[in-house]
Amino acid sequence: MLGNLIGGFIVIIIGVSLIPSVADEVEAAQDGNVTGAASTILGLTTLFYALGIMSAGVALSAQGLRAAGMLGV
């Protein structure tokens, strides 16, 4: 239980600390020859990365709480 919670927090901390780097690389990629819909989808990469980090952290935390009997189902 505690290992899952600590793991979830580590995933969140590392993932959140890498968001600026991901955003910088996406911006650098958009400065190239990318236009139209491809540029829009590329711009959403940071959002999808942040949502992935959030969902991984929530899943690990929920698994830990479920193992401890603190979360039903």
N, C-alpha and C. Protein backbone atom coordinates (compact mmCIF):
# COMPACT_ATOMS: atom_id res chain seq x y z
N MET A 1 0.82 -1.18 0.00
CA MET A 1 0.00 0.00 0.00
C MET A 1 0.87 1.25 0.00
N LEU A 2 1.76 1.34 0.97
CA LEU A 2 2.60 2.53 1.08
C LEU A 2 3.53 2.67 -0.13
N GLY A 3 4.00 1.53 -0.63
CA GLY A 3 4.86 1.56 -1.81
C GLY A 3 4.14 2.11 -3.02
N ASN A 4 2.87 1.75 -3.19
CA ASN A 4 2.10 2.27 -4.32
C ASN A 4 1.86 3.77 -4.19
N LEU A 5 1.59 4.22 -2.97
CA LEU A 5 1.37 5.66 -2.78
C LEU A 5 2.66 6.45 -3.02
N ILE A 6 3.76 5.94 -2.51
CA ILE A 6 5.05 6.62 -2.74
C ILE A 6 5.39 6.60 -4.23
N GLY A 7 5.16 5.46 -4.87
CA GLY A 7 5.40 5.37 -6.32
C GLY A 7 4.55 6.35 -7.10
N GLY A 8 3.29 6.50 -6.71
CA GLY A 8 2.41 7.45 -7.37
C GLY A 8 2.91 8.88 -7.22
N PHE A 9 3.36 9.23 -6.03
CA PHE A 9 3.86 10.58 -5.82
C PHE A 9 5.18 10.81 -6.57
N ILE A 10 6.01 9.79 -6.67
CA ILE A 10 7.25 9.94 -7.42
C ILE A 10 6.95 10.14 -8.90
N VAL A 11 5.99 9.38 -9.43
CA VAL A 11 5.58 9.55 -10.84
C VAL A 11 5.09 10.97 -11.07
N ILE A 12 4.28 11.47 -10.16
CA ILE A 12 3.73 12.82 -10.30
C ILE A 12 4.85 13.86 -10.23
N ILE A 13 5.74 13.73 -9.27
CA ILE A 13 6.81 14.73 -9.10
C ILE A 13 7.73 14.76 -10.31
N ILE A 14 8.17 13.59 -10.77
CA ILE A 14 9.07 13.55 -11.93
C ILE A 14 8.36 14.02 -13.18
N GLY A 15 7.12 13.57 -13.37
CA GLY A 15 6.35 13.96 -14.55
C GLY A 15 6.10 15.45 -14.61
N VAL A 16 5.73 16.03 -13.48
CA VAL A 16 5.45 17.47 -13.45
C VAL A 16 6.73 18.27 -13.66
N SER A 17 7.84 17.77 -13.15
CA SER A 17 9.10 18.50 -13.34
C SER A 17 9.56 18.44 -14.81
N LEU A 18 9.09 17.46 -15.58
CA LEU A 18 9.47 17.36 -16.99
C LEU A 18 8.52 18.09 -17.93
N ILE A 19 7.40 18.59 -17.43
CA ILE A 19 6.44 19.28 -18.30
C ILE A 19 7.06 20.48 -19.01
N PRO A 20 7.84 21.33 -18.33
CA PRO A 20 8.45 22.46 -19.07
C PRO A 20 9.36 22.01 -20.21
N SER A 21 10.10 20.94 -19.99
CA SER A 21 10.98 20.44 -21.06
C SER A 21 10.17 19.95 -22.25
N VAL A 22 9.08 19.25 -21.96
CA VAL A 22 8.22 18.77 -23.04
C VAL A 22 7.63 19.95 -23.79
N ALA A 23 7.16 20.96 -23.05
CA ALA A 23 6.57 22.14 -23.69
C ALA A 23 7.59 22.88 -24.56
N ASP A 24 8.83 22.98 -24.08
CA ASP A 24 9.88 23.64 -24.87
C ASP A 24 10.16 22.88 -26.16
N GLU A 25 10.23 21.57 -26.08
CA GLU A 25 10.49 20.77 -27.28
C GLU A 25 9.33 20.83 -28.27
N VAL A 26 8.11 20.87 -27.75
CA VAL A 26 6.95 21.01 -28.64
C VAL A 26 6.99 22.35 -29.35
N GLU A 27 7.32 23.40 -28.61
CA GLU A 27 7.41 24.73 -29.22
C GLU A 27 8.52 24.77 -30.28
N ALA A 28 9.64 24.13 -29.97
CA ALA A 28 10.74 24.09 -30.95
C ALA A 28 10.33 23.32 -32.19
N ALA A 29 9.57 22.27 -32.02
CA ALA A 29 9.10 21.49 -33.17
C ALA A 29 8.11 22.29 -34.01
N GLN A 30 7.30 23.11 -33.35
CA GLN A 30 6.33 23.92 -34.09
C GLN A 30 7.00 25.05 -34.86
N ASP A 31 8.20 25.43 -34.47
CA ASP A 31 8.92 26.47 -35.21
C ASP A 31 9.40 25.98 -36.57
N GLY A 32 9.41 24.67 -36.75
CA GLY A 32 9.83 24.09 -38.02
C GLY A 32 8.75 24.24 -39.08
N ASN A 33 8.77 23.39 -40.05
CA ASN A 33 7.83 23.46 -41.17
C ASN A 33 6.58 22.64 -40.85
N VAL A 34 5.84 23.07 -39.82
CA VAL A 34 4.61 22.39 -39.42
C VAL A 34 3.49 23.41 -39.45
N THR A 35 2.44 23.13 -40.23
CA THR A 35 1.33 24.07 -40.35
C THR A 35 0.01 23.33 -40.24
N GLY A 36 -1.04 24.11 -40.08
CA GLY A 36 -2.40 23.58 -40.12
C GLY A 36 -2.72 22.63 -38.99
N ALA A 37 -3.40 21.54 -39.34
CA ALA A 37 -3.87 20.58 -38.35
C ALA A 37 -2.71 19.90 -37.63
N ALA A 38 -1.61 19.66 -38.33
CA ALA A 38 -0.45 19.03 -37.70
C ALA A 38 0.10 19.90 -36.58
N SER A 39 0.11 21.20 -36.79
CA SER A 39 0.59 22.11 -35.76
C SER A 39 -0.35 22.12 -34.56
N THR A 40 -1.64 22.05 -34.81
CA THR A 40 -2.62 22.01 -33.72
C THR A 40 -2.46 20.75 -32.89
N ILE A 41 -2.33 19.61 -33.54
CA ILE A 41 -2.19 18.36 -32.83
C ILE A 41 -0.86 18.33 -32.07
N LEU A 42 0.18 18.83 -32.68
CA LEU A 42 1.48 18.91 -32.01
C LEU A 42 1.40 19.80 -30.78
N GLY A 43 0.63 20.88 -30.86
CA GLY A 43 0.45 21.77 -29.73
C GLY A 43 -0.28 21.12 -28.57
N LEU A 44 -1.08 20.11 -28.83
CA LEU A 44 -1.82 19.41 -27.78
C LEU A 44 -0.98 18.35 -27.09
N THR A 45 0.24 18.12 -27.55
CA THR A 45 1.09 17.09 -26.97
C THR A 45 1.35 17.34 -25.49
N THR A 46 1.58 18.58 -25.11
CA THR A 46 1.84 18.90 -23.71
C THR A 46 0.62 18.58 -22.85
N LEU A 47 -0.56 18.90 -23.36
CA LEU A 47 -1.79 18.59 -22.63
C LEU A 47 -1.94 17.09 -22.43
N PHE A 48 -1.72 16.31 -23.49
CA PHE A 48 -1.85 14.86 -23.38
C PHE A 48 -0.80 14.28 -22.44
N TYR A 49 0.39 14.85 -22.44
CA TYR A 49 1.43 14.40 -21.52
C TYR A 49 1.00 14.65 -20.08
N ALA A 50 0.48 15.84 -19.81
CA ALA A 50 0.05 16.17 -18.45
C ALA A 50 -1.12 15.27 -18.02
N LEU A 51 -2.04 14.99 -18.92
CA LEU A 51 -3.16 14.10 -18.59
C LEU A 51 -2.66 12.67 -18.32
N GLY A 52 -1.67 12.23 -19.06
CA GLY A 52 -1.10 10.91 -18.83
C GLY A 52 -0.42 10.81 -17.47
N ILE A 53 0.33 11.83 -17.09
CA ILE A 53 0.97 11.85 -15.78
C ILE A 53 -0.09 11.83 -14.68
N MET A 54 -1.13 12.62 -14.86
CA MET A 54 -2.19 12.67 -13.86
C MET A 54 -2.88 11.32 -13.73
N SER A 55 -3.21 10.70 -14.84
CA SER A 55 -3.94 9.43 -14.77
C SER A 55 -3.05 8.32 -14.20
N ALA A 56 -1.76 8.33 -14.48
CA ALA A 56 -0.86 7.33 -13.89
C ALA A 56 -0.76 7.51 -12.39
N GLY A 57 -0.64 8.73 -11.94
CA GLY A 57 -0.59 8.99 -10.50
C GLY A 57 -1.87 8.62 -9.79
N VAL A 58 -3.00 8.94 -10.39
CA VAL A 58 -4.29 8.61 -9.79
C VAL A 58 -4.48 7.10 -9.75
N ALA A 59 -4.11 6.41 -10.81
CA ALA A 59 -4.27 4.95 -10.84
C ALA A 59 -3.41 4.27 -9.78
N LEU A 60 -2.16 4.71 -9.64
CA LEU A 60 -1.29 4.12 -8.61
C LEU A 60 -1.80 4.41 -7.21
N SER A 61 -2.26 5.62 -6.98
CA SER A 61 -2.80 5.98 -5.67
C SER A 61 -4.08 5.21 -5.36
N ALA A 62 -4.95 5.09 -6.33
CA ALA A 62 -6.19 4.34 -6.13
C ALA A 62 -5.90 2.87 -5.86
N GLN A 63 -4.91 2.31 -6.53
CA GLN A 63 -4.54 0.91 -6.30
C GLN A 63 -4.01 0.73 -4.87
N GLY A 64 -3.22 1.67 -4.40
CA GLY A 64 -2.72 1.60 -3.04
C GLY A 64 -3.82 1.73 -2.01
N LEU A 65 -4.75 2.65 -2.23
CA LEU A 65 -5.86 2.82 -1.30
C LEU A 65 -6.80 1.62 -1.33
N ARG A 66 -6.98 1.04 -2.50
CA ARG A 66 -7.83 -0.14 -2.61
C ARG A 66 -7.21 -1.32 -1.86
N ALA A 67 -5.89 -1.46 -1.94
CA ALA A 67 -5.20 -2.53 -1.24
C ALA A 67 -5.29 -2.35 0.27
N ALA A 68 -5.38 -1.12 0.72
CA ALA A 68 -5.48 -0.84 2.15
C ALA A 68 -6.92 -0.94 2.64
N GLY A 69 -7.87 -1.10 1.75
CA GLY A 69 -9.26 -1.18 2.13
C GLY A 69 -9.92 0.15 2.38
N MET A 70 -9.27 1.22 1.95
CA MET A 70 -9.81 2.56 2.18
C MET A 70 -10.64 3.06 1.02
N LEU A 71 -10.60 2.31 -0.10
CA LEU A 71 -11.35 2.69 -1.28
C LEU A 71 -12.22 1.51 -1.65
N GLY A 72 -13.52 1.74 -1.74
CA GLY A 72 -14.44 0.65 -2.02
C GLY A 72 -14.34 0.12 -3.43
N VAL A 73 -15.06 -0.92 -3.71
CA VAL A 73 -15.18 -1.60 -5.01
C VAL A 73 -14.15 -2.65 -5.21
